[in-house]
Structures are given as structure tokens and as C-alpha cells.
């Protein structure tokens, strides 16, 4: 069966790189560099260090797992990813680099049993979701599950889409957005205004919430790259179409102030 989340982004990367996010294009000009920059930004906002025990919700092909381990030198990495092909790729990548991949599992992030299998009874200090939470069946359920599983004073950190404050539901633009979300395997309920997103975090029990708009360094950069880079031409036709449509959609959503892209972090309250 064909997976929506597959290995299509491999064609955009340099050799031996397998990133799969939208990238942070503030100074980067190549896809692999931009993707790495977005991961670094997330790790910095999460406050990762050598004491961190990381649970990565949606780790793609494994490049970010290696970054947590090598650049931030975290104590442990565990994670769940929906894609079978990506999970197999990540396992091979980690093993080749000399890291244990047993705690990297395939499954649905909204299934509590999947968390149990990956965590093995441990409580991580950090839950990360790099450019993937909007694809979860329910981001709100994910946030609640993260709060239950995190250690006391643990932190959640994500990069994610929200509706622009200027965007209004019921308009033609909104109906077009809903149509695009459905075809992008994104639940409409995951795309909310900033105030609603903040409420979801606080309702789940998070505090010290920090939300930073990085849209200008993400959305137009990815759109420009897939439109002009020869790298995108290396992909097969379905992948090229997927990248082109994504790029055009992001350019439209940015220019029309429909969506904005943020890096978010928060601290678990309570015991």
C-alpha cells in the first residue's frame, strides 16, 4: 500500500542526508541545510542538553534523531513515526551511526499503547514534534498525551501551523483552505488560531508557553526552493507533483495571510 508519508523528500537532499521538513531558510539556500536549521531551532527552544531524555513524535527518516544525539548530546532518544518506510530507514540510519534503534517504533501517535511500547515505562524530559503535529489525527489529543507522559517539569516543543489572526472562517478563502487541508491529509481541527492553540496547551496542563512566528523564514523559502532548484527535478513524477503543490499552497497561504508557522514550547505543570 502506498504511504502518504514516504521517502519522497530524499530527492531534495544532498547525498547521505534524508531530511523531510519545510526548513528554516533565514540563511540556508539548500534543502538539507534549511531542514537542519529548523531542527536546531527546535532543539534550542526546547532547551535540550546532555541530561535530556527525548521522545520524538514523528522522527521522519532519522536525521533529526542523530542531531539530538550528536549536536545536543542528549542522554536518550525514543520515538514514534507513522510511516513504515521512514521508520525502517531511520532504524538503519541510526544503526549505521552506532546508536541503538530499539526504542524507535512505527505506530499512531494518538494511540496510548504506541507511547507505552516506545517509552517502556520511562517518562521523558522532552517531547518534540518537528514539522509534523498538524498531520496527527488530533494534535489536541497529542498535547494531552504528552502532558501525561512527560516527567515533572518536562517540556514539549513543536514547529507547527496556525491560522493567521487575520483569517476568518466561512469565507471563500477558508473553504479553499479546507479543501487543500483534506488533500494534504491534515485534519481541519488541527489548524486553529493562536489563541485556541494557547488554550489547548493550557487546558492540557502546560505553562510558560512560548510561541514565536517564523513564517517568513519557512513558508516562502520552501516554496522558492521547490520552484527553482534542480534538486526537485530528481524526484519521480508523483514526488515532484507533491512538492510543487505544497510549495504553491504555502506561497498562497503566506501571501494571503491564511496560515502562519511557529516554533512553540511549554513546560509541564503539576506532578
C-alpha atoms as a PDB file:
ATOM      1  CA  UNK A   1       0.000   0.000   0.000  1.00  0.00           C
ATOM      2  CA  UNK A   2       1.314   3.456  -0.930  1.00  0.00           C
ATOM      3  CA  UNK A   3       2.039   5.732   2.038  1.00  0.00           C
ATOM      4  CA  UNK A   4       1.364   9.477   2.023  1.00  0.00           C
ATOM      5  CA  UNK A   5       4.396   9.928   4.282  1.00  0.00           C
ATOM      6  CA  UNK A   6       7.124   8.151   2.366  1.00  0.00           C
ATOM      7  CA  UNK A   7      10.679   8.716   1.108  1.00  0.00           C
ATOM      8  CA  UNK A   8       9.800  11.401  -1.463  1.00  0.00           C
ATOM      9  CA  UNK A   9      11.957  14.056   0.209  1.00  0.00           C
ATOM     10  CA  UNK A  10      15.146  12.030  -0.306  1.00  0.00           C
ATOM     11  CA  UNK A  11      15.434  13.546  -3.779  1.00  0.00           C
ATOM     12  CA  UNK A  12      15.604  17.065  -2.302  1.00  0.00           C
ATOM     13  CA  UNK A  13      18.553  16.234  -0.045  1.00  0.00           C
ATOM     14  CA  UNK A  14      22.287  16.110  -0.565  1.00  0.00           C
ATOM     15  CA  UNK A  15      23.898  12.668  -0.555  1.00  0.00           C
ATOM     16  CA  UNK A  16      23.690  10.871   2.797  1.00  0.00           C
ATOM     17  CA  UNK A  17      21.029  13.329   4.046  1.00  0.00           C
ATOM     18  CA  UNK A  18      17.364  12.381   4.419  1.00  0.00           C
ATOM     19  CA  UNK A  19      15.586  15.331   5.981  1.00  0.00           C
ATOM     20  CA  UNK A  20      11.857  15.790   5.455  1.00  0.00           C
ATOM     21  CA  UNK A  21      10.642  19.090   6.938  1.00  0.00           C
ATOM     22  CA  UNK A  22       9.841  22.512   5.440  1.00  0.00           C
ATOM     23  CA  UNK A  23      13.155  24.022   6.519  1.00  0.00           C
ATOM     24  CA  UNK A  24      14.275  27.279   8.113  1.00  0.00           C
ATOM     25  CA  UNK A  25      15.525  29.455   5.261  1.00  0.00           C
ATOM     26  CA  UNK A  26      16.820  32.521   7.125  1.00  0.00           C
ATOM     27  CA  UNK A  27      20.348  31.947   5.816  1.00  0.00           C
ATOM     28  CA  UNK A  28      20.188  28.484   4.211  1.00  0.00           C
ATOM     29  CA  UNK A  29      19.966  28.054   0.445  1.00  0.00           C
ATOM     30  CA  UNK A  30      19.968  24.248   0.229  1.00  0.00           C
ATOM     31  CA  UNK A  31      17.211  21.954   1.447  1.00  0.00           C
ATOM     32  CA  UNK A  32      19.321  19.783   3.764  1.00  0.00           C
ATOM     33  CA  UNK A  33      20.823  22.867   5.430  1.00  0.00           C
ATOM     34  CA  UNK A  34      17.411  24.504   5.892  1.00  0.00           C
ATOM     35  CA  UNK A  35      15.919  21.354   7.406  1.00  0.00           C
ATOM     36  CA  UNK A  36      18.827  21.003   9.791  1.00  0.00           C
ATOM     37  CA  UNK A  37      18.465  24.660  10.772  1.00  0.00           C
ATOM     38  CA  UNK A  38      14.786  24.131  11.659  1.00  0.00           C
ATOM     39  CA  UNK A  39      15.695  21.129  13.814  1.00  0.00           C
ATOM     40  CA  UNK A  40      18.426  23.116  15.577  1.00  0.00           C
ATOM     41  CA  UNK A  41      15.970  25.929  16.257  1.00  0.00           C
ATOM     42  CA  UNK A  42      13.507  23.480  17.804  1.00  0.00           C
ATOM     43  CA  UNK A  43      16.182  21.837  19.945  1.00  0.00           C
ATOM     44  CA  UNK A  44      17.373  25.216  21.205  1.00  0.00           C
ATOM     45  CA  UNK A  45      13.869  26.367  22.096  1.00  0.00           C
ATOM     46  CA  UNK A  46      13.237  23.029  23.836  1.00  0.00           C
ATOM     47  CA  UNK A  47      16.384  23.544  25.918  1.00  0.00           C
ATOM     48  CA  UNK A  48      17.975  20.198  25.045  1.00  0.00           C
ATOM     49  CA  UNK A  49      21.204  19.269  26.815  1.00  0.00           C
ATOM     50  CA  UNK A  50      23.185  16.224  27.922  1.00  0.00           C
ATOM     51  CA  UNK A  51      20.611  15.394  30.607  1.00  0.00           C
ATOM     52  CA  UNK A  52      17.649  15.362  28.215  1.00  0.00           C
ATOM     53  CA  UNK A  53      15.648  12.207  27.560  1.00  0.00           C
ATOM     54  CA  UNK A  54      13.851  12.862  24.286  1.00  0.00           C
ATOM     55  CA  UNK A  55      10.661  11.407  22.872  1.00  0.00           C
ATOM     56  CA  UNK A  56      10.410  12.383  19.183  1.00  0.00           C
ATOM     57  CA  UNK A  57       6.845  12.235  17.851  1.00  0.00           C
ATOM     58  CA  UNK A  58       7.262  11.913  14.088  1.00  0.00           C
ATOM     59  CA  UNK A  59      11.005  11.483  13.530  1.00  0.00           C
ATOM     60  CA  UNK A  60      10.925  11.057   9.740  1.00  0.00           C
ATOM     61  CA  UNK A  61      13.932   9.274   8.257  1.00  0.00           C
ATOM     62  CA  UNK A  62      16.091   9.733  11.342  1.00  0.00           C
ATOM     63  CA  UNK A  63      18.300  12.733  10.609  1.00  0.00           C
ATOM     64  CA  UNK A  64      16.809  14.720  13.474  1.00  0.00           C
ATOM     65  CA  UNK A  65      17.334  11.799  15.865  1.00  0.00           C
ATOM     66  CA  UNK A  66      21.031  11.875  15.042  1.00  0.00           C
ATOM     67  CA  UNK A  67      21.074  15.630  15.520  1.00  0.00           C
ATOM     68  CA  UNK A  68      19.593  15.341  19.037  1.00  0.00           C
ATOM     69  CA  UNK A  69      22.240  12.723  19.842  1.00  0.00           C
ATOM     70  CA  UNK A  70      25.290  14.385  18.280  1.00  0.00           C
ATOM     71  CA  UNK A  71      24.730  18.144  18.381  1.00  0.00           C
ATOM     72  CA  UNK A  72      22.835  18.337  21.687  1.00  0.00           C
ATOM     73  CA  UNK A  73      24.367  15.125  23.094  1.00  0.00           C
ATOM     74  CA  UNK A  74      21.086  14.133  24.724  1.00  0.00           C
ATOM     75  CA  UNK A  75      21.114  11.183  27.113  1.00  0.00           C
ATOM     76  CA  UNK A  76      18.466   9.156  25.281  1.00  0.00           C
ATOM     77  CA  UNK A  77      16.207   9.226  22.235  1.00  0.00           C
ATOM     78  CA  UNK A  78      12.941   7.366  21.786  1.00  0.00           C
ATOM     79  CA  UNK A  79      10.192   7.985  19.293  1.00  0.00           C
ATOM     80  CA  UNK A  80       7.190   7.038  17.200  1.00  0.00           C
ATOM     81  CA  UNK A  81       6.569   7.583  13.494  1.00  0.00           C
ATOM     82  CA  UNK A  82       3.510   6.666  11.424  1.00  0.00           C
ATOM     83  CA  UNK A  83       5.364   5.791   8.226  1.00  0.00           C
ATOM     84  CA  UNK A  84       6.657   2.248   7.882  1.00  0.00           C
ATOM     85  CA  UNK A  85       9.151   3.144   5.144  1.00  0.00           C
ATOM     86  CA  UNK A  86      10.559   6.100   7.075  1.00  0.00           C
ATOM     87  CA  UNK A  87      10.791   4.128  10.328  1.00  0.00           C
ATOM     88  CA  UNK A  88      12.729   1.331   8.617  1.00  0.00           C
ATOM     89  CA  UNK A  89      15.031   3.933   7.027  1.00  0.00           C
ATOM     90  CA  UNK A  90      15.593   5.655  10.392  1.00  0.00           C
ATOM     91  CA  UNK A  91      16.410   2.379  12.124  1.00  0.00           C
ATOM     92  CA  UNK A  92      19.045   1.593   9.510  1.00  0.00           C
ATOM     93  CA  UNK A  93      20.451   5.119   9.707  1.00  0.00           C
ATOM     94  CA  UNK A  94      20.809   5.043  13.495  1.00  0.00           C
ATOM     95  CA  UNK A  95      22.346   1.564  13.484  1.00  0.00           C
ATOM     96  CA  UNK A  96      24.890   2.619  10.852  1.00  0.00           C
ATOM     97  CA  UNK A  97      25.877   5.558  13.058  1.00  0.00           C
ATOM     98  CA  UNK A  98      26.349   3.243  16.046  1.00  0.00           C
ATOM     99  CA  UNK A  99      23.217   4.189  18.009  1.00  0.00           C
ATOM    100  CA  UNK A 100      20.557   1.894  19.466  1.00  0.00           C
ATOM    101  CA  UNK A 101      17.339   1.957  17.453  1.00  0.00           C
ATOM    102  CA  UNK A 102      15.211  -0.408  19.567  1.00  0.00           C
ATOM    103  CA  UNK A 103      13.151   2.449  21.045  1.00  0.00           C
ATOM    104  CA  UNK A 104      12.252   3.796  17.597  1.00  0.00           C
ATOM    105  CA  UNK A 105       8.872   2.332  16.686  1.00  0.00           C
ATOM    106  CA  UNK A 106       6.220   2.626  13.991  1.00  0.00           C
ATOM    107  CA  UNK A 107       2.691   3.492  15.036  1.00  0.00           C
ATOM    108  CA  UNK A 108      -0.072   6.028  15.588  1.00  0.00           C
ATOM    109  CA  UNK A 109       0.958   8.876  17.890  1.00  0.00           C
ATOM    110  CA  UNK A 110      -2.617   9.221  19.163  1.00  0.00           C
ATOM    111  CA  UNK A 111      -2.598   5.612  20.399  1.00  0.00           C
ATOM    112  CA  UNK A 112      -1.516   5.465  24.059  1.00  0.00           C
ATOM    113  CA  UNK A 113      -0.264   1.898  23.594  1.00  0.00           C
ATOM    114  CA  UNK A 114       2.219   3.150  20.985  1.00  0.00           C
ATOM    115  CA  UNK A 115       3.679   5.539  23.564  1.00  0.00           C
ATOM    116  CA  UNK A 116       3.871   2.679  26.085  1.00  0.00           C
ATOM    117  CA  UNK A 117       5.808   0.475  23.654  1.00  0.00           C
ATOM    118  CA  UNK A 118       8.260   3.234  22.759  1.00  0.00           C
ATOM    119  CA  UNK A 119       8.791   4.567  26.284  1.00  0.00           C
ATOM    120  CA  UNK A 120       8.923   1.220  28.077  1.00  0.00           C
ATOM    121  CA  UNK A 121       7.689   2.798  31.293  1.00  0.00           C
ATOM    122  CA  UNK A 122      10.103   5.745  31.159  1.00  0.00           C
ATOM    123  CA  UNK A 123       8.989   9.372  31.409  1.00  0.00           C
ATOM    124  CA  UNK A 124      10.892  11.644  29.006  1.00  0.00           C
ATOM    125  CA  UNK A 125      12.097  15.109  29.897  1.00  0.00           C
ATOM    126  CA  UNK A 126      11.194  16.391  26.418  1.00  0.00           C
ATOM    127  CA  UNK A 127       8.545  15.621  23.820  1.00  0.00           C
ATOM    128  CA  UNK A 128       9.384  17.029  20.379  1.00  0.00           C
ATOM    129  CA  UNK A 129       7.303  17.311  17.206  1.00  0.00           C
ATOM    130  CA  UNK A 130       9.307  18.756  14.310  1.00  0.00           C
ATOM    131  CA  UNK A 131       7.030  19.874  11.469  1.00  0.00           C
ATOM    132  CA  UNK A 132       4.565  17.029  11.882  1.00  0.00           C
ATOM    133  CA  UNK A 133       1.916  17.753  14.549  1.00  0.00           C
ATOM    134  CA  UNK A 134      -0.506  19.210  12.012  1.00  0.00           C
ATOM    135  CA  UNK A 135      -0.572  15.768  10.342  1.00  0.00           C
ATOM    136  CA  UNK A 136      -1.551  13.931  13.547  1.00  0.00           C
ATOM    137  CA  UNK A 137      -5.134  12.606  13.744  1.00  0.00           C
ATOM    138  CA  UNK A 138      -5.615  15.029  16.637  1.00  0.00           C
ATOM    139  CA  UNK A 139      -2.985  17.494  17.787  1.00  0.00           C
ATOM    140  CA  UNK A 140      -5.076  18.322  20.846  1.00  0.00           C
ATOM    141  CA  UNK A 141      -5.072  14.652  21.881  1.00  0.00           C
ATOM    142  CA  UNK A 142      -1.312  14.532  21.265  1.00  0.00           C
ATOM    143  CA  UNK A 143      -0.736  17.523  23.541  1.00  0.00           C
ATOM    144  CA  UNK A 144      -2.809  15.905  26.294  1.00  0.00           C
ATOM    145  CA  UNK A 145      -0.937  12.615  25.898  1.00  0.00           C
ATOM    146  CA  UNK A 146       2.407  14.435  26.022  1.00  0.00           C
ATOM    147  CA  UNK A 147       1.441  16.030  29.335  1.00  0.00           C
ATOM    148  CA  UNK A 148       0.511  12.636  30.798  1.00  0.00           C
ATOM    149  CA  UNK A 149       3.764  11.024  29.680  1.00  0.00           C
ATOM    150  CA  UNK A 150       6.278  13.789  30.451  1.00  0.00           C
ATOM    151  CA  UNK A 151       8.358  13.812  33.601  1.00  0.00           C
ATOM    152  CA  UNK A 152       7.607  16.573  36.143  1.00  0.00           C
ATOM    153  CA  UNK A 153       8.690  19.952  34.744  1.00  0.00           C
ATOM    154  CA  UNK A 154       9.230  18.297  31.362  1.00  0.00           C
ATOM    155  CA  UNK A 155       8.919  20.312  28.174  1.00  0.00           C
ATOM    156  CA  UNK A 156       7.036  19.993  24.917  1.00  0.00           C
ATOM    157  CA  UNK A 157       8.366  21.726  21.796  1.00  0.00           C
ATOM    158  CA  UNK A 158       6.889  21.827  18.309  1.00  0.00           C
ATOM    159  CA  UNK A 159       7.047  23.614  14.992  1.00  0.00           C
ATOM    160  CA  UNK A 160       3.528  23.933  13.670  1.00  0.00           C
ATOM    161  CA  UNK A 161       0.975  25.807  11.582  1.00  0.00           C
ATOM    162  CA  UNK A 162      -1.743  28.089  12.935  1.00  0.00           C
ATOM    163  CA  UNK A 163      -4.364  30.223  11.289  1.00  0.00           C
ATOM    164  CA  UNK A 164      -3.346  33.829  10.821  1.00  0.00           C
ATOM    165  CA  UNK A 165      -5.068  36.245  13.188  1.00  0.00           C
ATOM    166  CA  UNK A 166      -6.451  37.944  10.069  1.00  0.00           C
ATOM    167  CA  UNK A 167      -8.059  34.773   8.731  1.00  0.00           C
ATOM    168  CA  UNK A 168     -11.815  34.334   9.167  1.00  0.00           C
ATOM    169  CA  UNK A 169     -13.794  31.114   8.914  1.00  0.00           C
ATOM    170  CA  UNK A 170     -16.719  30.948   6.494  1.00  0.00           C
ATOM    171  CA  UNK A 171     -15.018  32.911   3.715  1.00  0.00           C
ATOM    172  CA  UNK A 172     -14.240  31.574   0.247  1.00  0.00           C
ATOM    173  CA  UNK A 173     -10.567  31.582   1.237  1.00  0.00           C
ATOM    174  CA  UNK A 174     -11.368  29.375   4.214  1.00  0.00           C
ATOM    175  CA  UNK A 175     -13.335  26.935   2.056  1.00  0.00           C
ATOM    176  CA  UNK A 176     -10.343  26.720  -0.276  1.00  0.00           C
ATOM    177  CA  UNK A 177      -8.074  26.121   2.726  1.00  0.00           C
ATOM    178  CA  UNK A 178     -10.299  23.282   3.972  1.00  0.00           C
ATOM    179  CA  UNK A 179     -10.197  21.695   0.504  1.00  0.00           C
ATOM    180  CA  UNK A 180      -6.391  21.848   0.496  1.00  0.00           C
ATOM    181  CA  UNK A 181      -6.093  20.501   4.040  1.00  0.00           C
ATOM    182  CA  UNK A 182      -8.189  17.462   3.165  1.00  0.00           C
ATOM    183  CA  UNK A 183      -5.954  16.641   0.206  1.00  0.00           C
ATOM    184  CA  UNK A 184      -2.863  17.135   2.343  1.00  0.00           C
ATOM    185  CA  UNK A 185      -4.031  14.625   4.979  1.00  0.00           C
ATOM    186  CA  UNK A 186      -4.392  17.387   7.590  1.00  0.00           C
ATOM    187  CA  UNK A 187      -7.372  17.391   9.958  1.00  0.00           C
ATOM    188  CA  UNK A 188      -9.204  20.720   9.811  1.00  0.00           C
ATOM    189  CA  UNK A 189      -9.457  20.706  13.623  1.00  0.00           C
ATOM    190  CA  UNK A 190      -5.643  20.827  13.851  1.00  0.00           C
ATOM    191  CA  UNK A 191      -5.447  24.241  12.184  1.00  0.00           C
ATOM    192  CA  UNK A 192      -6.599  26.820  14.712  1.00  0.00           C
ATOM    193  CA  UNK A 193      -5.914  30.429  15.653  1.00  0.00           C
ATOM    194  CA  UNK A 194      -3.097  31.234  18.063  1.00  0.00           C
ATOM    195  CA  UNK A 195      -5.490  31.939  20.946  1.00  0.00           C
ATOM    196  CA  UNK A 196      -7.091  28.498  20.542  1.00  0.00           C
ATOM    197  CA  UNK A 197      -3.685  26.799  20.303  1.00  0.00           C
ATOM    198  CA  UNK A 198      -2.602  28.505  23.515  1.00  0.00           C
ATOM    199  CA  UNK A 199      -5.831  27.410  25.182  1.00  0.00           C
ATOM    200  CA  UNK A 200      -5.213  23.789  24.170  1.00  0.00           C
ATOM    201  CA  UNK A 201      -1.770  23.848  25.771  1.00  0.00           C
ATOM    202  CA  UNK A 202      -3.008  25.441  28.980  1.00  0.00           C
ATOM    203  CA  UNK A 203      -6.048  23.151  29.218  1.00  0.00           C
ATOM    204  CA  UNK A 204      -3.741  20.122  28.947  1.00  0.00           C
ATOM    205  CA  UNK A 205      -1.718  21.483  31.877  1.00  0.00           C
ATOM    206  CA  UNK A 206       1.181  23.302  30.240  1.00  0.00           C
ATOM    207  CA  UNK A 207       2.543  26.652  31.367  1.00  0.00           C
ATOM    208  CA  UNK A 208       5.411  29.004  30.488  1.00  0.00           C
ATOM    209  CA  UNK A 209       4.241  28.839  26.881  1.00  0.00           C
ATOM    210  CA  UNK A 210       6.486  30.477  24.303  1.00  0.00           C
ATOM    211  CA  UNK A 211       5.240  30.970  20.723  1.00  0.00           C
ATOM    212  CA  UNK A 212       7.448  32.552  18.046  1.00  0.00           C
ATOM    213  CA  UNK A 213       6.327  33.329  14.492  1.00  0.00           C
ATOM    214  CA  UNK A 214       8.957  32.128  11.990  1.00  0.00           C
ATOM    215  CA  UNK A 215       6.693  32.130   8.916  1.00  0.00           C
ATOM    216  CA  UNK A 216       8.838  34.457   6.819  1.00  0.00           C
ATOM    217  CA  UNK A 217      11.819  32.109   7.148  1.00  0.00           C
ATOM    218  CA  UNK A 218       9.860  28.915   6.404  1.00  0.00           C
ATOM    219  CA  UNK A 219       6.919  29.162   4.002  1.00  0.00           C
ATOM    220  CA  UNK A 220       8.262  31.332   1.145  1.00  0.00           C
ATOM    221  CA  UNK A 221      11.689  29.712   1.401  1.00  0.00           C
ATOM    222  CA  UNK A 222      10.387  26.195   0.798  1.00  0.00           C
ATOM    223  CA  UNK A 223       8.111  27.438  -1.978  1.00  0.00           C
ATOM    224  CA  UNK A 224      11.004  29.160  -3.726  1.00  0.00           C
ATOM    225  CA  UNK A 225      13.271  26.135  -3.383  1.00  0.00           C
ATOM    226  CA  UNK A 226      10.909  23.597  -4.966  1.00  0.00           C
ATOM    227  CA  UNK A 227      10.072  26.069  -7.739  1.00  0.00           C
ATOM    228  CA  UNK A 228      13.659  26.884  -8.735  1.00  0.00           C
ATOM    229  CA  UNK A 229      16.009  24.154  -7.522  1.00  0.00           C
ATOM    230  CA  UNK A 230      17.259  21.427  -9.880  1.00  0.00           C
ATOM    231  CA  UNK A 231      17.135  19.061  -6.896  1.00  0.00           C
ATOM    232  CA  UNK A 232      13.350  18.789  -7.107  1.00  0.00           C
ATOM    233  CA  UNK A 233      13.653  17.582 -10.701  1.00  0.00           C
ATOM    234  CA  UNK A 234      15.485  14.443  -9.484  1.00  0.00           C
ATOM    235  CA  UNK A 235      12.314  13.096  -7.884  1.00  0.00           C
ATOM    236  CA  UNK A 236       9.867  10.859  -9.711  1.00  0.00           C
ATOM    237  CA  UNK A 237       6.696  12.426 -11.101  1.00  0.00           C
ATOM    238  CA  UNK A 238       4.404  11.812  -8.065  1.00  0.00           C
ATOM    239  CA  UNK A 239       7.019  13.306  -5.726  1.00  0.00           C
ATOM    240  CA  UNK A 240       7.607  16.318  -7.999  1.00  0.00           C
ATOM    241  CA  UNK A 241       3.884  16.963  -8.114  1.00  0.00           C
ATOM    242  CA  UNK A 242       3.609  16.646  -4.329  1.00  0.00           C
ATOM    243  CA  UNK A 243       6.447  19.124  -3.766  1.00  0.00           C
ATOM    244  CA  UNK A 244       5.163  21.577  -6.368  1.00  0.00           C
ATOM    245  CA  UNK A 245       1.627  21.588  -4.985  1.00  0.00           C
ATOM    246  CA  UNK A 246       2.930  22.002  -1.430  1.00  0.00           C
ATOM    247  CA  UNK A 247       5.131  24.908  -2.489  1.00  0.00           C
ATOM    248  CA  UNK A 248       2.325  26.710  -4.324  1.00  0.00           C
ATOM    249  CA  UNK A 249      -0.047  26.176  -1.425  1.00  0.00           C
ATOM    250  CA  UNK A 250       2.432  27.572   1.100  1.00  0.00           C
ATOM    251  CA  UNK A 251       3.158  30.595  -1.083  1.00  0.00           C
ATOM    252  CA  UNK A 252      -0.577  31.302  -1.404  1.00  0.00           C
ATOM    253  CA  UNK A 253      -1.249  30.764   2.308  1.00  0.00           C
ATOM    254  CA  UNK A 254       1.610  33.077   3.274  1.00  0.00           C
ATOM    255  CA  UNK A 255       0.807  35.885   0.855  1.00  0.00           C
ATOM    256  CA  UNK A 256      -2.912  35.818   1.637  1.00  0.00           C
ATOM    257  CA  UNK A 257      -2.281  35.696   5.416  1.00  0.00           C
ATOM    258  CA  UNK A 258      -4.151  32.418   5.752  1.00  0.00           C
ATOM    259  CA  UNK A 259      -1.559  30.402   7.690  1.00  0.00           C
ATOM    260  CA  UNK A 260       1.420  31.216   9.859  1.00  0.00           C
ATOM    261  CA  UNK A 261       4.230  28.921  11.036  1.00  0.00           C
ATOM    262  CA  UNK A 262       5.503  28.922  14.623  1.00  0.00           C
ATOM    263  CA  UNK A 263       8.004  27.336  16.975  1.00  0.00           C
ATOM    264  CA  UNK A 264       6.277  26.562  20.272  1.00  0.00           C
ATOM    265  CA  UNK A 265       7.468  25.340  23.656  1.00  0.00           C
ATOM    266  CA  UNK A 266       5.839  24.878  27.053  1.00  0.00           C
ATOM    267  CA  UNK A 267       6.552  23.348  30.459  1.00  0.00           C
ATOM    268  CA  UNK A 268       4.534  20.601  32.088  1.00  0.00           C
ATOM    269  CA  UNK A 269       2.802  21.746  35.252  1.00  0.00           C
ATOM    270  CA  UNK A 270       1.923  19.505  38.169  1.00  0.00           C
ATOM    271  CA  UNK A 271       3.463  16.260  39.329  1.00  0.00           C
END
